Amino acid sequence: LCATTPVLNKWHIAKMFGVSPKELWGQDIEFAGSEALALFGTASNVVVVCQFVPIRVQLSWVVPLIGSSVYPIMSMIVGSSFPTNAARLSLMSALVCFTSYVGARRSEAHLRMKWRAVRDAAEQDLVARGLESMSWLSCDVVIRLDGKARVN
């Protein structure tokens, strides 16, 4: 989806087939907003995939890379409706895609730390239960304290 959004720009489609956009679509579509909207759609797709789709970071770098490279490649192949804006739009798209990837990395690191803490707490609880069982076997009196250090 990220790769097709800039390609589906009406201006780029007309230029890929070697036709004037006005001839193909019957209207003058040469405005900078069409390219900006295509890039906004691509950036939105990248943000959604990076932030909400559960893909490991080792694989998710592909999405921002494709999302940030399709528009510049299309602009080099068929040109841009406003060539003066192409570099600026490409840079902004790359920046959004990069920050989305960085956000995905931070989110995964946070989730891993949380998972580790839960796993460590479960292991500690298991060790505590084992020690308690051993103490019942080897001691006459066992005093048990709860989480607030009260005798349980």
N, C-alpha and C. Protein backbone atom coordinates (compact mmCIF):
# COMPACT_ATOMS: atom_id res chain seq x y z
N LEU A 1 0.83 -1.20 0.00
CA LEU A 1 0.00 0.00 0.00
C LEU A 1 0.86 1.25 0.00
N CYS A 2 1.93 1.22 0.80
CA CYS A 2 2.83 2.38 0.86
C CYS A 2 3.48 2.64 -0.49
N ALA A 3 3.78 1.58 -1.20
CA ALA A 3 4.48 1.73 -2.48
C ALA A 3 3.56 2.21 -3.58
N THR A 4 2.27 1.94 -3.48
CA THR A 4 1.36 2.29 -4.58
C THR A 4 0.78 3.69 -4.47
N THR A 5 0.79 4.30 -3.30
CA THR A 5 0.14 5.60 -3.13
C THR A 5 0.72 6.67 -4.04
N PRO A 6 2.04 6.89 -4.08
CA PRO A 6 2.55 7.91 -5.01
C PRO A 6 2.38 7.52 -6.47
N VAL A 7 2.39 6.23 -6.76
CA VAL A 7 2.24 5.79 -8.14
C VAL A 7 0.83 6.07 -8.64
N LEU A 8 -0.15 6.04 -7.75
CA LEU A 8 -1.54 6.27 -8.13
C LEU A 8 -1.89 7.75 -8.26
N ASN A 9 -0.93 8.61 -8.17
CA ASN A 9 -1.14 10.03 -8.40
C ASN A 9 -1.54 10.22 -9.87
N LYS A 10 -2.62 10.95 -10.11
CA LYS A 10 -3.12 11.11 -11.48
C LYS A 10 -2.08 11.72 -12.42
N TRP A 11 -1.29 12.63 -11.92
CA TRP A 11 -0.28 13.26 -12.76
C TRP A 11 0.78 12.24 -13.16
N HIS A 12 1.24 11.43 -12.21
CA HIS A 12 2.25 10.42 -12.51
C HIS A 12 1.72 9.34 -13.45
N ILE A 13 0.45 8.94 -13.28
CA ILE A 13 -0.13 7.93 -14.16
C ILE A 13 -0.14 8.43 -15.60
N ALA A 14 -0.56 9.68 -15.80
CA ALA A 14 -0.59 10.23 -17.16
C ALA A 14 0.80 10.30 -17.76
N LYS A 15 1.77 10.72 -16.97
CA LYS A 15 3.14 10.82 -17.48
C LYS A 15 3.75 9.45 -17.76
N MET A 16 3.38 8.43 -16.97
CA MET A 16 3.90 7.08 -17.23
C MET A 16 3.44 6.56 -18.59
N PHE A 17 2.22 6.96 -19.00
CA PHE A 17 1.71 6.52 -20.31
C PHE A 17 2.04 7.52 -21.42
N GLY A 18 2.82 8.55 -21.10
CA GLY A 18 3.26 9.50 -22.11
C GLY A 18 2.17 10.42 -22.61
N VAL A 19 1.17 10.67 -21.79
CA VAL A 19 0.04 11.51 -22.18
C VAL A 19 0.00 12.73 -21.27
N SER A 20 -0.51 13.81 -21.79
CA SER A 20 -0.69 15.00 -20.96
C SER A 20 -1.80 14.72 -19.94
N PRO A 21 -1.59 15.10 -18.68
CA PRO A 21 -2.63 14.85 -17.67
C PRO A 21 -3.98 15.48 -18.04
N LYS A 22 -3.94 16.64 -18.70
CA LYS A 22 -5.19 17.30 -19.09
C LYS A 22 -5.93 16.49 -20.15
N GLU A 23 -5.18 15.88 -21.08
CA GLU A 23 -5.81 15.05 -22.12
C GLU A 23 -6.41 13.79 -21.51
N LEU A 24 -5.68 13.16 -20.59
CA LEU A 24 -6.13 11.89 -20.02
C LEU A 24 -7.32 12.07 -19.09
N TRP A 25 -7.26 13.05 -18.22
CA TRP A 25 -8.29 13.19 -17.19
C TRP A 25 -9.34 14.24 -17.52
N GLY A 26 -9.11 15.03 -18.56
CA GLY A 26 -10.10 16.02 -18.96
C GLY A 26 -10.12 17.25 -18.07
N GLN A 27 -9.15 17.38 -17.22
CA GLN A 27 -9.07 18.56 -16.35
C GLN A 27 -7.60 18.83 -16.06
N ASP A 28 -7.32 20.05 -15.69
CA ASP A 28 -5.95 20.41 -15.35
C ASP A 28 -5.68 20.02 -13.91
N ILE A 29 -4.84 19.01 -13.71
CA ILE A 29 -4.58 18.53 -12.35
C ILE A 29 -3.18 18.88 -11.89
N GLU A 30 -2.51 19.77 -12.59
CA GLU A 30 -1.14 20.13 -12.23
C GLU A 30 -1.15 21.12 -11.07
N PHE A 31 -1.35 20.61 -9.90
CA PHE A 31 -1.23 21.43 -8.71
C PHE A 31 -0.44 20.66 -7.67
N ALA A 32 0.27 21.39 -6.85
CA ALA A 32 1.18 20.76 -5.88
C ALA A 32 0.43 19.93 -4.86
N GLY A 33 -0.84 20.22 -4.66
CA GLY A 33 -1.62 19.49 -3.67
C GLY A 33 -1.79 18.02 -4.00
N SER A 34 -1.81 17.67 -5.29
CA SER A 34 -1.98 16.26 -5.65
C SER A 34 -0.79 15.43 -5.20
N GLU A 35 0.40 15.96 -5.36
CA GLU A 35 1.58 15.25 -4.91
C GLU A 35 1.66 15.24 -3.38
N ALA A 36 1.32 16.35 -2.78
CA ALA A 36 1.34 16.42 -1.32
C ALA A 36 0.34 15.44 -0.72
N LEU A 37 -0.84 15.33 -1.34
CA LEU A 37 -1.83 14.37 -0.84
C LEU A 37 -1.35 12.93 -1.00
N ALA A 38 -0.69 12.64 -2.11
CA ALA A 38 -0.15 11.29 -2.29
C ALA A 38 0.90 10.99 -1.23
N LEU A 39 1.76 11.96 -0.95
CA LEU A 39 2.78 11.76 0.09
C LEU A 39 2.17 11.70 1.47
N PHE A 40 1.12 12.47 1.70
CA PHE A 40 0.44 12.40 2.99
C PHE A 40 -0.18 11.02 3.20
N GLY A 41 -0.76 10.47 2.14
CA GLY A 41 -1.31 9.11 2.22
C GLY A 41 -0.23 8.08 2.49
N THR A 42 0.91 8.23 1.83
CA THR A 42 2.03 7.31 2.06
C THR A 42 2.53 7.42 3.49
N ALA A 43 2.72 8.66 3.95
CA ALA A 43 3.21 8.86 5.32
C ALA A 43 2.22 8.31 6.34
N SER A 44 0.94 8.49 6.09
CA SER A 44 -0.08 7.94 7.00
C SER A 44 -0.01 6.43 7.05
N ASN A 45 0.15 5.81 5.89
CA ASN A 45 0.28 4.34 5.85
C ASN A 45 1.50 3.87 6.63
N VAL A 46 2.61 4.56 6.47
CA VAL A 46 3.85 4.18 7.16
C VAL A 46 3.67 4.33 8.67
N VAL A 47 3.07 5.43 9.10
CA VAL A 47 2.87 5.66 10.54
C VAL A 47 1.97 4.57 11.12
N VAL A 48 0.88 4.26 10.44
CA VAL A 48 -0.04 3.23 10.95
C VAL A 48 0.65 1.88 11.03
N VAL A 49 1.39 1.51 9.99
CA VAL A 49 2.07 0.21 10.00
C VAL A 49 3.12 0.17 11.10
N CYS A 50 3.92 1.24 11.21
CA CYS A 50 5.01 1.24 12.20
C CYS A 50 4.49 1.28 13.64
N GLN A 51 3.39 1.95 13.87
CA GLN A 51 2.93 2.12 15.25
C GLN A 51 1.90 1.10 15.70
N PHE A 52 1.11 0.55 14.80
CA PHE A 52 -0.01 -0.28 15.22
C PHE A 52 0.00 -1.71 14.70
N VAL A 53 0.81 -2.01 13.70
CA VAL A 53 0.86 -3.37 13.19
C VAL A 53 2.01 -4.09 13.90
N PRO A 54 1.74 -5.23 14.50
CA PRO A 54 2.80 -5.90 15.28
C PRO A 54 3.83 -6.61 14.41
N ILE A 55 4.76 -5.82 13.89
CA ILE A 55 5.86 -6.35 13.09
C ILE A 55 7.14 -6.10 13.89
N ARG A 56 8.02 -7.10 13.95
CA ARG A 56 9.29 -6.91 14.66
C ARG A 56 10.12 -5.84 13.97
N VAL A 57 10.92 -5.13 14.74
CA VAL A 57 11.73 -4.03 14.21
C VAL A 57 12.73 -4.53 13.18
N GLN A 58 13.17 -5.78 13.32
CA GLN A 58 14.12 -6.31 12.35
C GLN A 58 13.52 -6.36 10.95
N LEU A 59 12.20 -6.42 10.84
CA LEU A 59 11.53 -6.47 9.54
C LEU A 59 10.84 -5.16 9.17
N SER A 60 10.49 -4.35 10.16
CA SER A 60 9.67 -3.17 9.88
C SER A 60 10.43 -2.04 9.19
N TRP A 61 11.74 -2.09 9.11
CA TRP A 61 12.50 -1.04 8.44
C TRP A 61 12.17 -0.99 6.95
N VAL A 62 11.65 -2.09 6.41
CA VAL A 62 11.32 -2.14 4.99
C VAL A 62 10.20 -1.16 4.65
N VAL A 63 9.22 -1.05 5.53
CA VAL A 63 8.05 -0.19 5.26
C VAL A 63 8.46 1.28 5.13
N PRO A 64 9.18 1.87 6.10
CA PRO A 64 9.58 3.27 5.92
C PRO A 64 10.54 3.47 4.74
N LEU A 65 11.38 2.49 4.49
CA LEU A 65 12.31 2.61 3.36
C LEU A 65 11.55 2.70 2.05
N ILE A 66 10.59 1.81 1.86
CA ILE A 66 9.79 1.84 0.63
C ILE A 66 8.93 3.10 0.59
N GLY A 67 8.32 3.43 1.73
CA GLY A 67 7.46 4.61 1.78
C GLY A 67 8.19 5.90 1.46
N SER A 68 9.45 5.99 1.86
CA SER A 68 10.18 7.23 1.61
C SER A 68 10.91 7.24 0.26
N SER A 69 11.03 6.11 -0.39
CA SER A 69 11.80 6.08 -1.64
C SER A 69 10.94 6.03 -2.90
N VAL A 70 9.67 5.67 -2.81
CA VAL A 70 8.86 5.53 -4.02
C VAL A 70 8.64 6.88 -4.70
N TYR A 71 8.29 7.90 -3.92
CA TYR A 71 8.02 9.20 -4.53
C TYR A 71 9.26 9.80 -5.22
N PRO A 72 10.43 9.80 -4.57
CA PRO A 72 11.60 10.33 -5.29
C PRO A 72 11.93 9.54 -6.55
N ILE A 73 11.74 8.23 -6.51
CA ILE A 73 12.00 7.42 -7.71
C ILE A 73 11.01 7.78 -8.81
N MET A 74 9.72 7.92 -8.44
CA MET A 74 8.72 8.31 -9.46
C MET A 74 9.03 9.70 -10.00
N SER A 75 9.47 10.60 -9.16
CA SER A 75 9.80 11.95 -9.62
C SER A 75 10.99 11.94 -10.56
N MET A 76 11.93 11.04 -10.33
CA MET A 76 13.08 10.95 -11.24
C MET A 76 12.69 10.31 -12.57
N ILE A 77 11.77 9.33 -12.52
CA ILE A 77 11.40 8.61 -13.75
C ILE A 77 10.47 9.45 -14.62
N VAL A 78 9.37 9.93 -14.06
CA VAL A 78 8.37 10.63 -14.87
C VAL A 78 8.32 12.12 -14.60
N GLY A 79 9.04 12.58 -13.61
CA GLY A 79 9.03 14.01 -13.30
C GLY A 79 7.98 14.34 -12.25
N SER A 80 7.89 15.60 -11.97
CA SER A 80 6.96 16.09 -10.96
C SER A 80 6.14 17.22 -11.56
N SER A 81 4.92 17.39 -11.06
CA SER A 81 4.09 18.49 -11.58
C SER A 81 4.67 19.84 -11.16
N PHE A 82 5.36 19.87 -10.04
CA PHE A 82 6.07 21.07 -9.60
C PHE A 82 7.48 20.65 -9.18
N PRO A 83 8.43 20.66 -10.10
CA PRO A 83 9.78 20.17 -9.79
C PRO A 83 10.46 20.90 -8.65
N THR A 84 10.09 22.15 -8.41
CA THR A 84 10.73 22.89 -7.32
C THR A 84 10.32 22.34 -5.95
N ASN A 85 9.18 21.68 -5.86
CA ASN A 85 8.72 21.12 -4.59
C ASN A 85 9.12 19.67 -4.39
N ALA A 86 9.60 19.01 -5.42
CA ALA A 86 9.86 17.56 -5.35
C ALA A 86 10.89 17.22 -4.27
N ALA A 87 11.97 17.97 -4.22
CA ALA A 87 13.02 17.68 -3.23
C ALA A 87 12.50 17.94 -1.82
N ARG A 88 11.77 19.01 -1.62
CA ARG A 88 11.23 19.33 -0.30
C ARG A 88 10.21 18.29 0.15
N LEU A 89 9.34 17.87 -0.76
CA LEU A 89 8.35 16.85 -0.42
C LEU A 89 9.02 15.51 -0.12
N SER A 90 10.04 15.18 -0.89
CA SER A 90 10.77 13.93 -0.65
C SER A 90 11.45 13.96 0.72
N LEU A 91 12.04 15.08 1.07
CA LEU A 91 12.71 15.20 2.36
C LEU A 91 11.72 15.10 3.52
N MET A 92 10.58 15.77 3.39
CA MET A 92 9.57 15.69 4.46
C MET A 92 9.02 14.28 4.60
N SER A 93 8.80 13.62 3.47
CA SER A 93 8.32 12.23 3.51
C SER A 93 9.34 11.32 4.19
N ALA A 94 10.60 11.49 3.84
CA ALA A 94 11.65 10.68 4.46
C ALA A 94 11.74 10.95 5.96
N LEU A 95 11.56 12.20 6.36
CA LEU A 95 11.61 12.54 7.78
C LEU A 95 10.47 11.89 8.55
N VAL A 96 9.26 11.93 8.00
CA VAL A 96 8.12 11.28 8.65
C VAL A 96 8.33 9.77 8.74
N CYS A 97 8.81 9.18 7.67
CA CYS A 97 9.04 7.73 7.66
C CYS A 97 10.13 7.35 8.66
N PHE A 98 11.19 8.14 8.75
CA PHE A 98 12.27 7.86 9.69
C PHE A 98 11.79 7.97 11.13
N THR A 99 11.05 9.03 11.44
CA THR A 99 10.56 9.18 12.81
C THR A 99 9.55 8.10 13.17
N SER A 100 8.80 7.62 12.21
CA SER A 100 7.89 6.50 12.47
C SER A 100 8.66 5.25 12.83
N TYR A 101 9.74 5.00 12.12
CA TYR A 101 10.58 3.84 12.42
C TYR A 101 11.23 3.96 13.80
N VAL A 102 11.72 5.14 14.12
CA VAL A 102 12.32 5.36 15.44
C VAL A 102 11.27 5.15 16.53
N GLY A 103 10.05 5.63 16.29
CA GLY A 103 8.98 5.40 17.25
C GLY A 103 8.65 3.93 17.42
N ALA A 104 8.68 3.18 16.32
CA ALA A 104 8.43 1.74 16.41
C ALA A 104 9.52 1.05 17.20
N ARG A 105 10.78 1.47 17.01
CA ARG A 105 11.89 0.89 17.78
C ARG A 105 11.73 1.17 19.28
N ARG A 106 11.37 2.41 19.62
CA ARG A 106 11.20 2.76 21.03
C ARG A 106 10.03 2.00 21.64
N SER A 107 8.96 1.88 20.89
CA SER A 107 7.79 1.15 21.38
C SER A 107 8.12 -0.31 21.63
N GLU A 108 8.85 -0.94 20.71
CA GLU A 108 9.21 -2.34 20.89
C GLU A 108 10.16 -2.50 22.08
N ALA A 109 11.09 -1.57 22.25
CA ALA A 109 12.01 -1.65 23.40
C ALA A 109 11.24 -1.55 24.71
N HIS A 110 10.25 -0.67 24.74
CA HIS A 110 9.43 -0.52 25.95
C HIS A 110 8.63 -1.79 26.23
N LEU A 111 8.04 -2.37 25.20
CA LEU A 111 7.28 -3.60 25.38
C LEU A 111 8.17 -4.76 25.82
N ARG A 112 9.40 -4.81 25.31
CA ARG A 112 10.32 -5.87 25.72
C ARG A 112 10.70 -5.72 27.19
N MET A 113 10.95 -4.48 27.62
CA MET A 113 11.28 -4.25 29.04
C MET A 113 10.11 -4.65 29.93
N LYS A 114 8.91 -4.33 29.51
CA LYS A 114 7.72 -4.69 30.29
C LYS A 114 7.57 -6.22 30.35
N TRP A 115 7.78 -6.89 29.22
CA TRP A 115 7.68 -8.35 29.18
C TRP A 115 8.73 -8.98 30.09
N ARG A 116 9.96 -8.44 30.05
CA ARG A 116 11.03 -8.96 30.90
C ARG A 116 10.70 -8.79 32.38
N ALA A 117 10.13 -7.63 32.75
CA ALA A 117 9.79 -7.38 34.15
C ALA A 117 8.73 -8.36 34.63
N VAL A 118 7.73 -8.63 33.79
CA VAL A 118 6.68 -9.59 34.16
C VAL A 118 7.27 -10.99 34.29
N ARG A 119 8.14 -11.36 33.37
CA ARG A 119 8.78 -12.67 33.42
C ARG A 119 9.66 -12.82 34.66
N ASP A 120 10.44 -11.78 34.98
CA ASP A 120 11.30 -11.82 36.16
C ASP A 120 10.48 -11.91 37.44
N ALA A 121 9.35 -11.17 37.49
CA ALA A 121 8.49 -11.23 38.68
C ALA A 121 7.90 -12.62 38.85
N ALA A 122 7.52 -13.26 37.75
CA ALA A 122 6.98 -14.62 37.83
C ALA A 122 8.04 -15.60 38.31
N GLU A 123 9.27 -15.44 37.84
CA GLU A 123 10.36 -16.31 38.28
C GLU A 123 10.65 -16.11 39.76
N GLN A 124 10.65 -14.87 40.22
CA GLN A 124 10.90 -14.59 41.63
C GLN A 124 9.79 -15.17 42.50
N ASP A 125 8.56 -15.10 42.03
CA ASP A 125 7.45 -15.67 42.78
C ASP A 125 7.60 -17.19 42.87
N LEU A 126 8.03 -17.81 41.80
CA LEU A 126 8.23 -19.26 41.80
C LEU A 126 9.35 -19.65 42.78
N VAL A 127 10.42 -18.89 42.81
CA VAL A 127 11.52 -19.16 43.74
C VAL A 127 11.05 -18.98 45.18
N ALA A 128 10.27 -17.92 45.42
CA ALA A 128 9.77 -17.67 46.78
C ALA A 128 8.86 -18.80 47.25
N ARG A 129 8.02 -19.30 46.37
CA ARG A 129 7.15 -20.42 46.74
C ARG A 129 7.96 -21.68 47.04
N GLY A 130 9.00 -21.91 46.24
CA GLY A 130 9.86 -23.07 46.48
C GLY A 130 10.58 -22.97 47.82
N LEU A 131 11.09 -21.79 48.13
CA LEU A 131 11.76 -21.59 49.41
C LEU A 131 10.80 -21.74 50.58
N GLU A 132 9.57 -21.25 50.39
CA GLU A 132 8.57 -21.39 51.44
C GLU A 132 8.25 -22.87 51.68
N SER A 133 8.12 -23.63 50.61
CA SER A 133 7.84 -25.06 50.74
C SER A 133 8.98 -25.77 51.47
N MET A 134 10.21 -25.41 51.14
CA MET A 134 11.36 -26.01 51.80
C MET A 134 11.39 -25.63 53.28
N SER A 135 11.02 -24.40 53.58
CA SER A 135 11.05 -23.97 54.99
C SER A 135 10.00 -24.71 55.82
N TRP A 136 8.86 -25.02 55.25
CA TRP A 136 7.84 -25.78 55.98
C TRP A 136 8.34 -27.19 56.30
N LEU A 137 9.17 -27.74 55.43
CA LEU A 137 9.68 -29.09 55.66
C LEU A 137 10.79 -29.12 56.71
N SER A 138 11.57 -28.04 56.78
CA SER A 138 12.75 -28.09 57.65
C SER A 138 12.63 -27.27 58.93
N CYS A 139 11.58 -26.49 59.10
CA CYS A 139 11.44 -25.64 60.28
C CYS A 139 10.17 -25.99 61.05
N ASP A 140 10.22 -25.74 62.36
CA ASP A 140 9.04 -25.97 63.19
C ASP A 140 8.05 -24.81 63.06
N VAL A 141 8.55 -23.58 62.98
CA VAL A 141 7.69 -22.39 62.89
C VAL A 141 8.16 -21.58 61.69
N VAL A 142 7.19 -21.16 60.86
CA VAL A 142 7.49 -20.33 59.70
C VAL A 142 6.63 -19.08 59.80
N ILE A 143 7.27 -17.93 59.80
CA ILE A 143 6.55 -16.66 59.82
C ILE A 143 6.56 -16.13 58.40
N ARG A 144 5.37 -15.81 57.91
CA ARG A 144 5.22 -15.37 56.54
C ARG A 144 4.77 -13.92 56.53
N LEU A 145 5.42 -13.10 55.73
CA LEU A 145 5.09 -11.68 55.61
C LEU A 145 4.46 -11.41 54.24
N ASP A 146 3.49 -10.50 54.23
CA ASP A 146 2.89 -10.14 52.95
C ASP A 146 3.69 -8.98 52.32
N GLY A 147 3.19 -8.39 51.24
CA GLY A 147 3.89 -7.33 50.52
C GLY A 147 4.12 -6.07 51.34
N LYS A 148 3.35 -5.85 52.41
CA LYS A 148 3.51 -4.66 53.24
C LYS A 148 4.24 -4.99 54.55
N ALA A 149 4.93 -6.11 54.55
CA ALA A 149 5.74 -6.57 55.69
C ALA A 149 4.88 -6.81 56.94
N ARG A 150 3.67 -7.28 56.76
CA ARG A 150 2.81 -7.66 57.88
C ARG A 150 2.82 -9.18 57.98
N VAL A 151 2.67 -9.67 59.20
CA VAL A 151 2.64 -11.13 59.39
C VAL A 151 1.39 -11.66 58.75
N ASN A 152 1.58 -12.66 57.94
CA ASN A 152 0.46 -13.21 57.18
C ASN A 152 0.00 -14.52 57.78
